[in-house]
All heavy atoms as atom14 arrays in JSON, in Angstrom:
{
  "sequence": "YGLCDCNNFYASCERVFNPSLVGRPVVVLSNNDGCVIARSNEAKALG",
  "atom14_mask": [
    [1, 1, 1, 1, 1, 1, 1, 1, 1, 1, 1, 1, 0, 0],
    [1, 1, 1, 1, 0, 0, 0, 0, 0, 0, 0, 0, 0, 0],
    [1, 1, 1, 1, 1, 1, 1, 1, 0, 0, 0, 0, 0, 0],
    [1, 1, 1, 1, 1, 1, 0, 0, 0, 0, 0, 0, 0, 0],
    [1, 1, 1, 1, 1, 1, 1, 1, 0, 0, 0, 0, 0, 0],
    [1, 1, 1, 1, 1, 1, 0, 0, 0, 0, 0, 0, 0, 0],
    [1, 1, 1, 1, 1, 1, 1, 1, 0, 0, 0, 0, 0, 0],
    [1, 1, 1, 1, 1, 1, 1, 1, 0, 0, 0, 0, 0, 0],
    [1, 1, 1, 1, 1, 1, 1, 1, 1, 1, 1, 0, 0, 0],
    [1, 1, 1, 1, 1, 1, 1, 1, 1, 1, 1, 1, 0, 0],
    [1, 1, 1, 1, 1, 0, 0, 0, 0, 0, 0, 0, 0, 0],
    [1, 1, 1, 1, 1, 1, 0, 0, 0, 0, 0, 0, 0, 0],
    [1, 1, 1, 1, 1, 1, 0, 0, 0, 0, 0, 0, 0, 0],
    [1, 1, 1, 1, 1, 1, 1, 1, 1, 0, 0, 0, 0, 0],
    [1, 1, 1, 1, 1, 1, 1, 1, 1, 1, 1, 0, 0, 0],
    [1, 1, 1, 1, 1, 1, 1, 0, 0, 0, 0, 0, 0, 0],
    [1, 1, 1, 1, 1, 1, 1, 1, 1, 1, 1, 0, 0, 0],
    [1, 1, 1, 1, 1, 1, 1, 1, 0, 0, 0, 0, 0, 0],
    [1, 1, 1, 1, 1, 1, 1, 0, 0, 0, 0, 0, 0, 0],
    [1, 1, 1, 1, 1, 1, 0, 0, 0, 0, 0, 0, 0, 0],
    [1, 1, 1, 1, 1, 1, 1, 1, 0, 0, 0, 0, 0, 0],
    [1, 1, 1, 1, 1, 1, 1, 0, 0, 0, 0, 0, 0, 0],
    [1, 1, 1, 1, 0, 0, 0, 0, 0, 0, 0, 0, 0, 0],
    [1, 1, 1, 1, 1, 1, 1, 1, 1, 1, 1, 0, 0, 0],
    [1, 1, 1, 1, 1, 1, 1, 0, 0, 0, 0, 0, 0, 0],
    [1, 1, 1, 1, 1, 1, 1, 0, 0, 0, 0, 0, 0, 0],
    [1, 1, 1, 1, 1, 1, 1, 0, 0, 0, 0, 0, 0, 0],
    [1, 1, 1, 1, 1, 1, 1, 0, 0, 0, 0, 0, 0, 0],
    [1, 1, 1, 1, 1, 1, 1, 1, 0, 0, 0, 0, 0, 0],
    [1, 1, 1, 1, 1, 1, 0, 0, 0, 0, 0, 0, 0, 0],
    [1, 1, 1, 1, 1, 1, 1, 1, 0, 0, 0, 0, 0, 0],
    [1, 1, 1, 1, 1, 1, 1, 1, 0, 0, 0, 0, 0, 0],
    [1, 1, 1, 1, 1, 1, 1, 1, 0, 0, 0, 0, 0, 0],
    [1, 1, 1, 1, 0, 0, 0, 0, 0, 0, 0, 0, 0, 0],
    [1, 1, 1, 1, 1, 1, 0, 0, 0, 0, 0, 0, 0, 0],
    [1, 1, 1, 1, 1, 1, 1, 0, 0, 0, 0, 0, 0, 0],
    [1, 1, 1, 1, 1, 1, 1, 1, 0, 0, 0, 0, 0, 0],
    [1, 1, 1, 1, 1, 0, 0, 0, 0, 0, 0, 0, 0, 0],
    [1, 1, 1, 1, 1, 1, 1, 1, 1, 1, 1, 0, 0, 0],
    [1, 1, 1, 1, 1, 1, 0, 0, 0, 0, 0, 0, 0, 0],
    [1, 1, 1, 1, 1, 1, 1, 1, 0, 0, 0, 0, 0, 0],
    [1, 1, 1, 1, 1, 1, 1, 1, 1, 0, 0, 0, 0, 0],
    [1, 1, 1, 1, 1, 0, 0, 0, 0, 0, 0, 0, 0, 0],
    [1, 1, 1, 1, 1, 1, 1, 1, 1, 0, 0, 0, 0, 0],
    [1, 1, 1, 1, 1, 0, 0, 0, 0, 0, 0, 0, 0, 0],
    [1, 1, 1, 1, 1, 1, 1, 1, 0, 0, 0, 0, 0, 0],
    [1, 1, 1, 1, 0, 0, 0, 0, 0, 0, 0, 0, 0, 0]
  ],
  "atom14_positions": [
    [[13.11, 15.59, -50.11], [12.76, 16.08, -48.65], [13.61, 15.3, -47.64], [13.92, 14.1, -47.84], [11.27, 15.74, -48.44], [10.3, 16.5, -49.38], [9.92, 16.13, -50.6], [9.74, 17.78, -49.11], [9.12, 16.76, -51.42], [8.94, 18.55, -49.83], [8.74, 17.94, -51.17], [7.77, 18.66, -52.05], [0.0, 0.0, 0.0], [0.0, 0.0, 0.0]],
    [[13.64, 15.91, -46.49], [14.25, 15.2, -45.35], [13.34, 15.23, -44.14], [12.49, 16.09, -44.02], [0.0, 0.0, 0.0], [0.0, 0.0, 0.0], [0.0, 0.0, 0.0], [0.0, 0.0, 0.0], [0.0, 0.0, 0.0], [0.0, 0.0, 0.0], [0.0, 0.0, 0.0], [0.0, 0.0, 0.0], [0.0, 0.0, 0.0], [0.0, 0.0, 0.0]],
    [[13.45, 14.25, -43.28], [12.79, 14.16, -42.02], [13.78, 13.98, -40.92], [14.51, 12.93, -40.94], [11.73, 13.18, -42.04], [10.78, 13.09, -40.84], [11.26, 12.37, -39.57], [10.1, 14.41, -40.48], [0.0, 0.0, 0.0], [0.0, 0.0, 0.0], [0.0, 0.0, 0.0], [0.0, 0.0, 0.0], [0.0, 0.0, 0.0], [0.0, 0.0, 0.0]],
    [[13.97, 14.91, -40.04], [14.9, 14.87, -38.98], [14.08, 14.51, -37.65], [13.22, 15.24, -37.27], [15.67, 16.22, -38.66], [16.75, 16.13, -37.21], [0.0, 0.0, 0.0], [0.0, 0.0, 0.0], [0.0, 0.0, 0.0], [0.0, 0.0, 0.0], [0.0, 0.0, 0.0], [0.0, 0.0, 0.0], [0.0, 0.0, 0.0], [0.0, 0.0, 0.0]],
    [[14.32, 13.32, -37.03], [13.7, 12.86, -35.94], [14.62, 12.68, -34.8], [15.61, 12.03, -34.89], [12.88, 11.54, -36.2], [12.08, 11.01, -35.11], [11.94, 11.7, -34.23], [11.39, 9.89, -35.36], [0.0, 0.0, 0.0], [0.0, 0.0, 0.0], [0.0, 0.0, 0.0], [0.0, 0.0, 0.0], [0.0, 0.0, 0.0], [0.0, 0.0, 0.0]],
    [[14.25, 13.37, -33.58], [15.21, 13.21, -32.42], [14.83, 11.9, -31.75], [13.67, 11.47, -31.36], [14.77, 14.38, -31.37], [15.11, 16.07, -32.12], [0.0, 0.0, 0.0], [0.0, 0.0, 0.0], [0.0, 0.0, 0.0], [0.0, 0.0, 0.0], [0.0, 0.0, 0.0], [0.0, 0.0, 0.0], [0.0, 0.0, 0.0], [0.0, 0.0, 0.0]],
    [[15.93, 11.06, -31.51], [15.8, 9.78, -31.11], [15.4, 9.74, -29.58], [16.0, 10.4, -28.83], [17.11, 8.95, -31.29], [17.51, 8.82, -32.62], [16.65, 8.99, -33.61], [18.72, 8.55, -32.96], [0.0, 0.0, 0.0], [0.0, 0.0, 0.0], [0.0, 0.0, 0.0], [0.0, 0.0, 0.0], [0.0, 0.0, 0.0], [0.0, 0.0, 0.0]],
    [[14.24, 9.13, -29.2], [13.7, 8.97, -27.88], [13.85, 10.37, -27.14], [14.6, 10.43, -26.2], [14.6, 7.82, -27.14], [14.6, 6.57, -27.9], [13.63, 6.04, -28.54], [15.87, 5.86, -27.84], [0.0, 0.0, 0.0], [0.0, 0.0, 0.0], [0.0, 0.0, 0.0], [0.0, 0.0, 0.0], [0.0, 0.0, 0.0], [0.0, 0.0, 0.0]],
    [[13.27, 11.3, -27.75], [13.76, 12.66, -27.45], [13.53, 13.09, -25.91], [14.54, 13.51, -25.37], [12.65, 13.64, -28.24], [12.97, 15.13, -28.18], [14.3, 15.61, -28.23], [12.07, 16.04, -27.56], [14.59, 17.01, -28.02], [12.3, 17.36, -27.39], [13.49, 17.8, -27.57], [0.0, 0.0, 0.0], [0.0, 0.0, 0.0], [0.0, 0.0, 0.0]],
    [[12.44, 12.79, -25.28], [12.5, 13.13, -23.9], [13.54, 12.49, -23.0], [14.15, 13.1, -22.19], [11.05, 12.89, -23.33], [9.94, 13.61, -23.95], [8.55, 13.15, -23.59], [10.08, 14.79, -24.84], [7.54, 13.8, -24.16], [9.03, 15.4, -25.28], [7.87, 14.98, -25.04], [6.68, 15.67, -25.6], [0.0, 0.0, 0.0], [0.0, 0.0, 0.0]],
    [[13.69, 11.21, -23.27], [14.81, 10.42, -22.51], [16.14, 10.88, -22.89], [16.95, 11.13, -22.09], [14.69, 9.0, -22.86], [0.0, 0.0, 0.0], [0.0, 0.0, 0.0], [0.0, 0.0, 0.0], [0.0, 0.0, 0.0], [0.0, 0.0, 0.0], [0.0, 0.0, 0.0], [0.0, 0.0, 0.0], [0.0, 0.0, 0.0], [0.0, 0.0, 0.0]],
    [[16.32, 11.37, -24.19], [17.68, 11.93, -24.58], [17.89, 13.24, -23.84], [19.07, 13.56, -23.49], [17.62, 12.07, -26.18], [17.65, 10.75, -26.83], [0.0, 0.0, 0.0], [0.0, 0.0, 0.0], [0.0, 0.0, 0.0], [0.0, 0.0, 0.0], [0.0, 0.0, 0.0], [0.0, 0.0, 0.0], [0.0, 0.0, 0.0], [0.0, 0.0, 0.0]],
    [[16.86, 14.08, -23.69], [17.02, 15.39, -23.14], [17.54, 15.21, -21.65], [18.3, 15.91, -21.05], [15.76, 16.21, -23.13], [15.22, 16.69, -24.66], [0.0, 0.0, 0.0], [0.0, 0.0, 0.0], [0.0, 0.0, 0.0], [0.0, 0.0, 0.0], [0.0, 0.0, 0.0], [0.0, 0.0, 0.0], [0.0, 0.0, 0.0], [0.0, 0.0, 0.0]],
    [[16.91, 14.12, -21.03], [17.37, 13.96, -19.62], [18.85, 13.43, -19.62], [19.59, 13.75, -18.58], [16.47, 12.83, -18.84], [14.92, 13.28, -18.85], [14.76, 14.46, -17.88], [15.74, 14.81, -17.18], [13.62, 15.02, -17.96], [0.0, 0.0, 0.0], [0.0, 0.0, 0.0], [0.0, 0.0, 0.0], [0.0, 0.0, 0.0], [0.0, 0.0, 0.0]],
    [[19.27, 12.73, -20.57], [20.7, 12.14, -20.51], [21.56, 13.16, -20.89], [22.84, 13.11, -20.38], [20.7, 11.1, -21.63], [20.32, 9.64, -21.16], [20.25, 8.66, -22.34], [20.22, 7.29, -21.66], [19.94, 6.24, -22.5], [19.86, 6.27, -23.88], [19.9, 5.04, -22.06], [0.0, 0.0, 0.0], [0.0, 0.0, 0.0], [0.0, 0.0, 0.0]],
    [[21.25, 14.36, -21.58], [22.27, 15.43, -22.01], [22.82, 15.94, -20.7], [24.0, 16.17, -20.69], [21.51, 16.46, -22.71], [22.42, 17.71, -22.81], [21.13, 15.97, -24.13], [0.0, 0.0, 0.0], [0.0, 0.0, 0.0], [0.0, 0.0, 0.0], [0.0, 0.0, 0.0], [0.0, 0.0, 0.0], [0.0, 0.0, 0.0], [0.0, 0.0, 0.0]],
    [[22.16, 16.04, -19.57], [22.45, 16.8, -18.39], [22.83, 15.78, -17.27], [23.05, 16.12, -16.25], [21.49, 17.79, -17.97], [21.09, 18.75, -19.01], [19.97, 18.57, -19.79], [21.98, 19.87, -19.11], [19.77, 19.65, -20.73], [21.69, 20.85, -20.13], [20.68, 20.63, -20.89], [0.0, 0.0, 0.0], [0.0, 0.0, 0.0], [0.0, 0.0, 0.0]],
    [[22.81, 14.45, -17.7], [23.23, 13.5, -16.64], [23.85, 12.28, -17.45], [23.21, 11.26, -17.7], [21.94, 12.98, -15.93], [22.43, 12.07, -14.7], [23.52, 11.64, -14.57], [21.46, 11.71, -13.83], [0.0, 0.0, 0.0], [0.0, 0.0, 0.0], [0.0, 0.0, 0.0], [0.0, 0.0, 0.0], [0.0, 0.0, 0.0], [0.0, 0.0, 0.0]],
    [[25.06, 12.41, -17.79], [25.75, 11.41, -18.67], [25.83, 9.98, -18.11], [25.91, 8.98, -18.74], [27.19, 11.92, -18.9], [27.11, 13.45, -18.62], [25.98, 13.6, -17.54], [0.0, 0.0, 0.0], [0.0, 0.0, 0.0], [0.0, 0.0, 0.0], [0.0, 0.0, 0.0], [0.0, 0.0, 0.0], [0.0, 0.0, 0.0], [0.0, 0.0, 0.0]],
    [[25.63, 9.9, -16.69], [25.63, 8.58, -16.01], [24.39, 7.73, -16.52], [24.36, 6.41, -16.3], [25.55, 8.65, -14.57], [24.3, 9.13, -14.11], [0.0, 0.0, 0.0], [0.0, 0.0, 0.0], [0.0, 0.0, 0.0], [0.0, 0.0, 0.0], [0.0, 0.0, 0.0], [0.0, 0.0, 0.0], [0.0, 0.0, 0.0], [0.0, 0.0, 0.0]],
    [[23.51, 8.38, -17.09], [22.29, 7.59, -17.68], [22.42, 6.91, -19.03], [21.75, 6.04, -19.42], [21.17, 8.69, -17.9], [20.59, 9.23, -16.63], [19.48, 10.3, -17.03], [20.02, 8.31, -15.61], [0.0, 0.0, 0.0], [0.0, 0.0, 0.0], [0.0, 0.0, 0.0], [0.0, 0.0, 0.0], [0.0, 0.0, 0.0], [0.0, 0.0, 0.0]],
    [[23.62, 7.21, -19.66], [23.94, 6.61, -20.87], [24.09, 5.05, -20.71], [24.79, 4.61, -19.85], [25.2, 7.14, -21.58], [25.47, 6.28, -22.84], [25.07, 8.59, -21.88], [0.0, 0.0, 0.0], [0.0, 0.0, 0.0], [0.0, 0.0, 0.0], [0.0, 0.0, 0.0], [0.0, 0.0, 0.0], [0.0, 0.0, 0.0], [0.0, 0.0, 0.0]],
    [[23.28, 4.25, -21.42], [23.39, 2.76, -21.27], [22.38, 2.27, -20.24], [22.24, 1.06, -20.16], [0.0, 0.0, 0.0], [0.0, 0.0, 0.0], [0.0, 0.0, 0.0], [0.0, 0.0, 0.0], [0.0, 0.0, 0.0], [0.0, 0.0, 0.0], [0.0, 0.0, 0.0], [0.0, 0.0, 0.0], [0.0, 0.0, 0.0], [0.0, 0.0, 0.0]],
    [[21.85, 3.09, -19.49], [20.75, 2.75, -18.44], [19.39, 3.01, -18.95], [19.12, 3.87, -19.68], [21.14, 3.59, -17.13], [20.17, 3.28, -16.03], [20.5, 4.09, -14.8], [19.57, 3.97, -13.72], [19.65, 4.92, -12.74], [20.38, 5.87, -12.61], [18.57, 4.65, -11.71], [0.0, 0.0, 0.0], [0.0, 0.0, 0.0], [0.0, 0.0, 0.0]],
    [[18.46, 2.02, -18.59], [17.11, 2.22, -19.01], [16.49, 3.56, -18.54], [16.69, 3.77, -17.31], [16.34, 1.11, -18.46], [17.42, 0.07, -18.19], [18.74, 0.84, -17.88], [0.0, 0.0, 0.0], [0.0, 0.0, 0.0], [0.0, 0.0, 0.0], [0.0, 0.0, 0.0], [0.0, 0.0, 0.0], [0.0, 0.0, 0.0], [0.0, 0.0, 0.0]],
    [[15.87, 4.22, -19.33], [15.31, 5.62, -19.03], [13.85, 5.61, -19.46], [13.52, 5.35, -20.56], [16.12, 6.89, -19.45], [15.36, 8.08, -19.13], [17.51, 6.78, -19.0], [0.0, 0.0, 0.0], [0.0, 0.0, 0.0], [0.0, 0.0, 0.0], [0.0, 0.0, 0.0], [0.0, 0.0, 0.0], [0.0, 0.0, 0.0], [0.0, 0.0, 0.0]],
    [[12.95, 6.1, -18.52], [11.55, 6.34, -18.9], [11.12, 7.67, -18.44], [11.6, 8.31, -17.4], [10.53, 5.28, -18.36], [10.89, 3.86, -18.89], [10.54, 5.2, -16.92], [0.0, 0.0, 0.0], [0.0, 0.0, 0.0], [0.0, 0.0, 0.0], [0.0, 0.0, 0.0], [0.0, 0.0, 0.0], [0.0, 0.0, 0.0], [0.0, 0.0, 0.0]],
    [[10.24, 8.32, -19.25], [9.65, 9.62, -18.8], [8.12, 9.37, -18.62], [7.56, 8.74, -19.57], [9.94, 10.69, -19.95], [9.32, 12.07, -19.52], [11.48, 10.9, -20.04], [0.0, 0.0, 0.0], [0.0, 0.0, 0.0], [0.0, 0.0, 0.0], [0.0, 0.0, 0.0], [0.0, 0.0, 0.0], [0.0, 0.0, 0.0], [0.0, 0.0, 0.0]],
    [[7.53, 9.98, -17.67], [6.27, 9.83, -17.42], [5.19, 10.95, -17.72], [5.85, 12.13, -17.88], [5.97, 9.62, -15.82], [6.76, 8.35, -15.23], [6.72, 8.38, -13.68], [6.47, 7.13, -15.76], [0.0, 0.0, 0.0], [0.0, 0.0, 0.0], [0.0, 0.0, 0.0], [0.0, 0.0, 0.0], [0.0, 0.0, 0.0], [0.0, 0.0, 0.0]],
    [[4.05, 10.76, -17.97], [3.08, 11.93, -18.3], [2.74, 12.63, -17.16], [3.3, 12.54, -16.14], [1.74, 11.16, -18.87], [1.12, 10.44, -17.82], [0.0, 0.0, 0.0], [0.0, 0.0, 0.0], [0.0, 0.0, 0.0], [0.0, 0.0, 0.0], [0.0, 0.0, 0.0], [0.0, 0.0, 0.0], [0.0, 0.0, 0.0], [0.0, 0.0, 0.0]],
    [[1.9, 13.65, -17.39], [1.46, 14.55, -16.33], [0.97, 13.68, -15.07], [0.37, 12.75, -15.26], [0.36, 15.58, -16.82], [0.92, 16.56, -17.87], [2.09, 16.95, -17.74], [0.09, 16.81, -18.77], [0.0, 0.0, 0.0], [0.0, 0.0, 0.0], [0.0, 0.0, 0.0], [0.0, 0.0, 0.0], [0.0, 0.0, 0.0], [0.0, 0.0, 0.0]],
    [[1.38, 14.26, -13.97], [1.06, 13.5, -12.69], [1.58, 12.18, -12.55], [1.02, 11.27, -11.91], [-0.45, 13.53, -12.5], [-1.12, 14.99, -12.04], [-0.74, 15.51, -11.21], [-2.18, 15.21, -12.74], [0.0, 0.0, 0.0], [0.0, 0.0, 0.0], [0.0, 0.0, 0.0], [0.0, 0.0, 0.0], [0.0, 0.0, 0.0], [0.0, 0.0, 0.0]],
    [[2.6, 12.03, -13.26], [3.42, 10.61, -13.24], [2.37, 9.51, -13.51], [2.51, 8.46, -12.78], [4.08, 10.53, -11.83], [5.28, 11.54, -11.78], [5.66, 12.18, -12.62], [5.68, 11.58, -10.48], [0.0, 0.0, 0.0], [0.0, 0.0, 0.0], [0.0, 0.0, 0.0], [0.0, 0.0, 0.0], [0.0, 0.0, 0.0], [0.0, 0.0, 0.0]],
    [[1.62, 9.57, -14.5], [0.58, 8.68, -14.71], [1.05, 7.43, -15.44], [1.08, 6.25, -15.08], [0.0, 0.0, 0.0], [0.0, 0.0, 0.0], [0.0, 0.0, 0.0], [0.0, 0.0, 0.0], [0.0, 0.0, 0.0], [0.0, 0.0, 0.0], [0.0, 0.0, 0.0], [0.0, 0.0, 0.0], [0.0, 0.0, 0.0], [0.0, 0.0, 0.0]],
    [[1.54, 7.58, -16.7], [2.01, 6.52, -17.55], [3.26, 6.95, -18.4], [3.67, 8.1, -18.38], [0.84, 6.05, -18.49], [0.18, 7.35, -19.67], [0.0, 0.0, 0.0], [0.0, 0.0, 0.0], [0.0, 0.0, 0.0], [0.0, 0.0, 0.0], [0.0, 0.0, 0.0], [0.0, 0.0, 0.0], [0.0, 0.0, 0.0], [0.0, 0.0, 0.0]],
    [[3.81, 5.97, -19.06], [5.05, 6.06, -19.77], [4.69, 6.75, -21.02], [4.02, 6.36, -21.88], [5.69, 4.73, -19.95], [6.97, 4.92, -20.99], [6.24, 4.15, -18.72], [0.0, 0.0, 0.0], [0.0, 0.0, 0.0], [0.0, 0.0, 0.0], [0.0, 0.0, 0.0], [0.0, 0.0, 0.0], [0.0, 0.0, 0.0], [0.0, 0.0, 0.0]],
    [[5.58, 7.92, -21.38], [5.35, 8.63, -22.68], [6.67, 8.68, -23.45], [6.68, 9.0, -24.62], [4.83, 9.99, -22.43], [5.7, 10.8, -21.57], [3.37, 9.97, -21.92], [5.4, 12.32, -21.56], [0.0, 0.0, 0.0], [0.0, 0.0, 0.0], [0.0, 0.0, 0.0], [0.0, 0.0, 0.0], [0.0, 0.0, 0.0], [0.0, 0.0, 0.0]],
    [[7.76, 8.18, -22.89], [9.01, 8.05, -23.6], [9.78, 7.07, -22.89], [9.82, 6.91, -21.83], [9.71, 9.39, -23.62], [0.0, 0.0, 0.0], [0.0, 0.0, 0.0], [0.0, 0.0, 0.0], [0.0, 0.0, 0.0], [0.0, 0.0, 0.0], [0.0, 0.0, 0.0], [0.0, 0.0, 0.0], [0.0, 0.0, 0.0], [0.0, 0.0, 0.0]],
    [[10.63, 6.28, -23.86], [11.54, 5.23, -23.34], [12.81, 5.21, -24.1], [12.89, 5.49, -25.32], [10.89, 3.84, -23.5], [9.46, 3.76, -23.18], [8.76, 2.66, -23.94], [8.59, 3.08, -25.33], [8.2, 2.23, -26.23], [8.25, 0.9, -26.02], [8.26, 2.58, -27.57], [0.0, 0.0, 0.0], [0.0, 0.0, 0.0], [0.0, 0.0, 0.0]],
    [[13.84, 5.05, -23.37], [15.18, 4.71, -24.1], [15.15, 3.41, -24.74], [14.24, 2.55, -24.45], [16.29, 4.95, -23.07], [16.35, 3.83, -22.17], [0.0, 0.0, 0.0], [0.0, 0.0, 0.0], [0.0, 0.0, 0.0], [0.0, 0.0, 0.0], [0.0, 0.0, 0.0], [0.0, 0.0, 0.0], [0.0, 0.0, 0.0], [0.0, 0.0, 0.0]],
    [[16.17, 3.14, -25.53], [16.08, 1.79, -26.29], [16.35, 0.65, -25.24], [15.79, -0.33, -25.33], [17.26, 1.78, -27.27], [17.11, 2.59, -28.38], [16.0, 2.88, -28.84], [18.29, 2.94, -28.96], [0.0, 0.0, 0.0], [0.0, 0.0, 0.0], [0.0, 0.0, 0.0], [0.0, 0.0, 0.0], [0.0, 0.0, 0.0], [0.0, 0.0, 0.0]],
    [[17.0, 0.99, -24.14], [17.24, -0.13, -23.03], [15.84, -0.34, -22.29], [15.68, -1.53, -21.96], [18.25, 0.44, -22.05], [19.61, 0.6, -22.56], [19.84, 1.99, -23.32], [18.84, 2.8, -23.33], [21.09, 2.09, -23.88], [0.0, 0.0, 0.0], [0.0, 0.0, 0.0], [0.0, 0.0, 0.0], [0.0, 0.0, 0.0], [0.0, 0.0, 0.0]],
    [[15.07, 0.65, -22.26], [13.79, 0.44, -21.52], [12.94, -0.32, -22.48], [11.99, -1.19, -22.01], [13.22, 1.85, -21.1], [0.0, 0.0, 0.0], [0.0, 0.0, 0.0], [0.0, 0.0, 0.0], [0.0, 0.0, 0.0], [0.0, 0.0, 0.0], [0.0, 0.0, 0.0], [0.0, 0.0, 0.0], [0.0, 0.0, 0.0], [0.0, 0.0, 0.0]],
    [[12.94, 0.02, -23.66], [12.21, -0.74, -24.78], [12.5, -2.24, -24.72], [11.56, -3.12, -24.85], [12.31, -0.19, -26.18], [11.9, 1.28, -26.45], [12.2, 1.79, -27.64], [11.81, 3.22, -27.86], [12.28, 3.84, -29.14], [0.0, 0.0, 0.0], [0.0, 0.0, 0.0], [0.0, 0.0, 0.0], [0.0, 0.0, 0.0], [0.0, 0.0, 0.0]],
    [[13.8, -2.55, -24.53], [14.3, -3.93, -24.49], [13.72, -4.69, -23.34], [13.56, -5.9, -23.44], [15.76, -3.97, -24.55], [0.0, 0.0, 0.0], [0.0, 0.0, 0.0], [0.0, 0.0, 0.0], [0.0, 0.0, 0.0], [0.0, 0.0, 0.0], [0.0, 0.0, 0.0], [0.0, 0.0, 0.0], [0.0, 0.0, 0.0], [0.0, 0.0, 0.0]],
    [[13.39, -3.92, -22.25], [12.81, -4.53, -21.03], [11.26, -4.88, -21.26], [10.7, -5.55, -20.47], [13.0, -3.71, -19.94], [14.33, -3.35, -19.4], [14.43, -2.52, -18.32], [15.0, -4.8, -18.96], [0.0, 0.0, 0.0], [0.0, 0.0, 0.0], [0.0, 0.0, 0.0], [0.0, 0.0, 0.0], [0.0, 0.0, 0.0], [0.0, 0.0, 0.0]],
    [[10.73, -4.47, -22.46], [9.35, -4.73, -22.69], [8.37, -3.64, -22.15], [7.18, -3.85, -22.11], [0.0, 0.0, 0.0], [0.0, 0.0, 0.0], [0.0, 0.0, 0.0], [0.0, 0.0, 0.0], [0.0, 0.0, 0.0], [0.0, 0.0, 0.0], [0.0, 0.0, 0.0], [0.0, 0.0, 0.0], [0.0, 0.0, 0.0], [0.0, 0.0, 0.0]]
  ]
}
């Protein structure tokens, strides 16, 4: 069996169409910009 997992998916989707975000911390917020639901590795490193 295999498991394919998209890395930091929501953040990766945003980077696809904005290459300047590569290497920069990225976070994606929940509905109504409430809380963090996705983080790039750089954002995770910030705690």
